[in-house]
Amino acid sequence: MENPITETTPLTENDCFYLMDRNKDFFTYPLHKHEEMELNFVEHCEGAQRIVGDSIETLGPYDLVLLGSGLEHNWSQYNCESHTIHEITIQFSRDMLGEQFLSKNQVAGIRAMLDNAKRGIAFDLSAIMRVYDKLTKITEAQPGFYRVLRLLEILYELSLTENYHLLASKSFANVKNMPDNQRVRRVEEYIDAHFTSEIRLKTLADLAGMTPAAFSRYFRTQTGRTISDYIIELRLGHAARNLVDSTKSIAEICYECGFNNISNFNRIFKKKKGCAPSTFRDNYHKSKIII
């Protein structure tokens, strides 16, 4: 399968960000990625489809996502009947803010949000409405410094909201968790290294120095999910990456990623990703247009 195209943006080392504000009839740009981070807002897009990493979602009338560097993405027409689509795209380098600036307490929320953007962040409607006026008016600000201030204000407001969800799985986006809790970190590192084979709860509990029952409760309290959910998400992320990047059969991918039953793999994949593995691969293939 072809790789998604790598977009070269017009940003130079002397620029803060690149802004595009456009009205269009259709979504036509293929699956792509770029080094810059991207804040993308779309309205009048109900029924369109968004791909970010291994996340495929059908949109409502508004969509706002923040994407990290190198993360595959595209928007396609799918079931969207609107021909008055309005899209604002802002591409910028994380270096625009500088790591010293991001280390300050006053912008800790922005720093955490930019880290989460490695997997892609989709903001819920309440968060979109919080910054709607600022987004739609950013092109009206005076070029240069005042537009930079407007972008910083938008990022800050978004960093304050809890109304969002992450898109790509961490294994697909190759994002490594570094939990502060030493027990959880030790267990996650073990799972990451052994996800292709059978993983027993007792083995993980022994690593944490706890009984299996106590450790199950402890892991869920610390991470917000069960051990089983964590392992399944990790395996599905690797499976999705293989579906996108290889021509291996679905059965091969199933067993290589730690699933021991093809029908069970298909069922879990469809439940978690919203479509069968073959459909997921086809959706990516349709979006990979060479231009």
Foldseek 3Di string as FASTA:
>chain_A
DDDAAEDDDPDDPPDFKDKDKDWFQFFDAFWYFYQWKKWKKKALQAQKWKDWQLAIDGDHRIKIKIAHHPIIMGIGNHPRPGGGMIMMMMTGHPCSCPPVNCPDPVNVLLVVVNLLNLQMKIADPVLCVQCVVLRVCLVVFDPDPRSVVSVVVNSSSSSPDPRIDGGAQCLSSVHDDDDPDPLLNQLVVVCLVQLLEDDDLCVSCVSSVHHSVVVQVVNCVRPVDGPVVVSLSNLLSQLLNCLQPHPDDSVVSCNRSRHDDSVVVQVVNCVVRVHGSVVSSVVNVVRRDDD
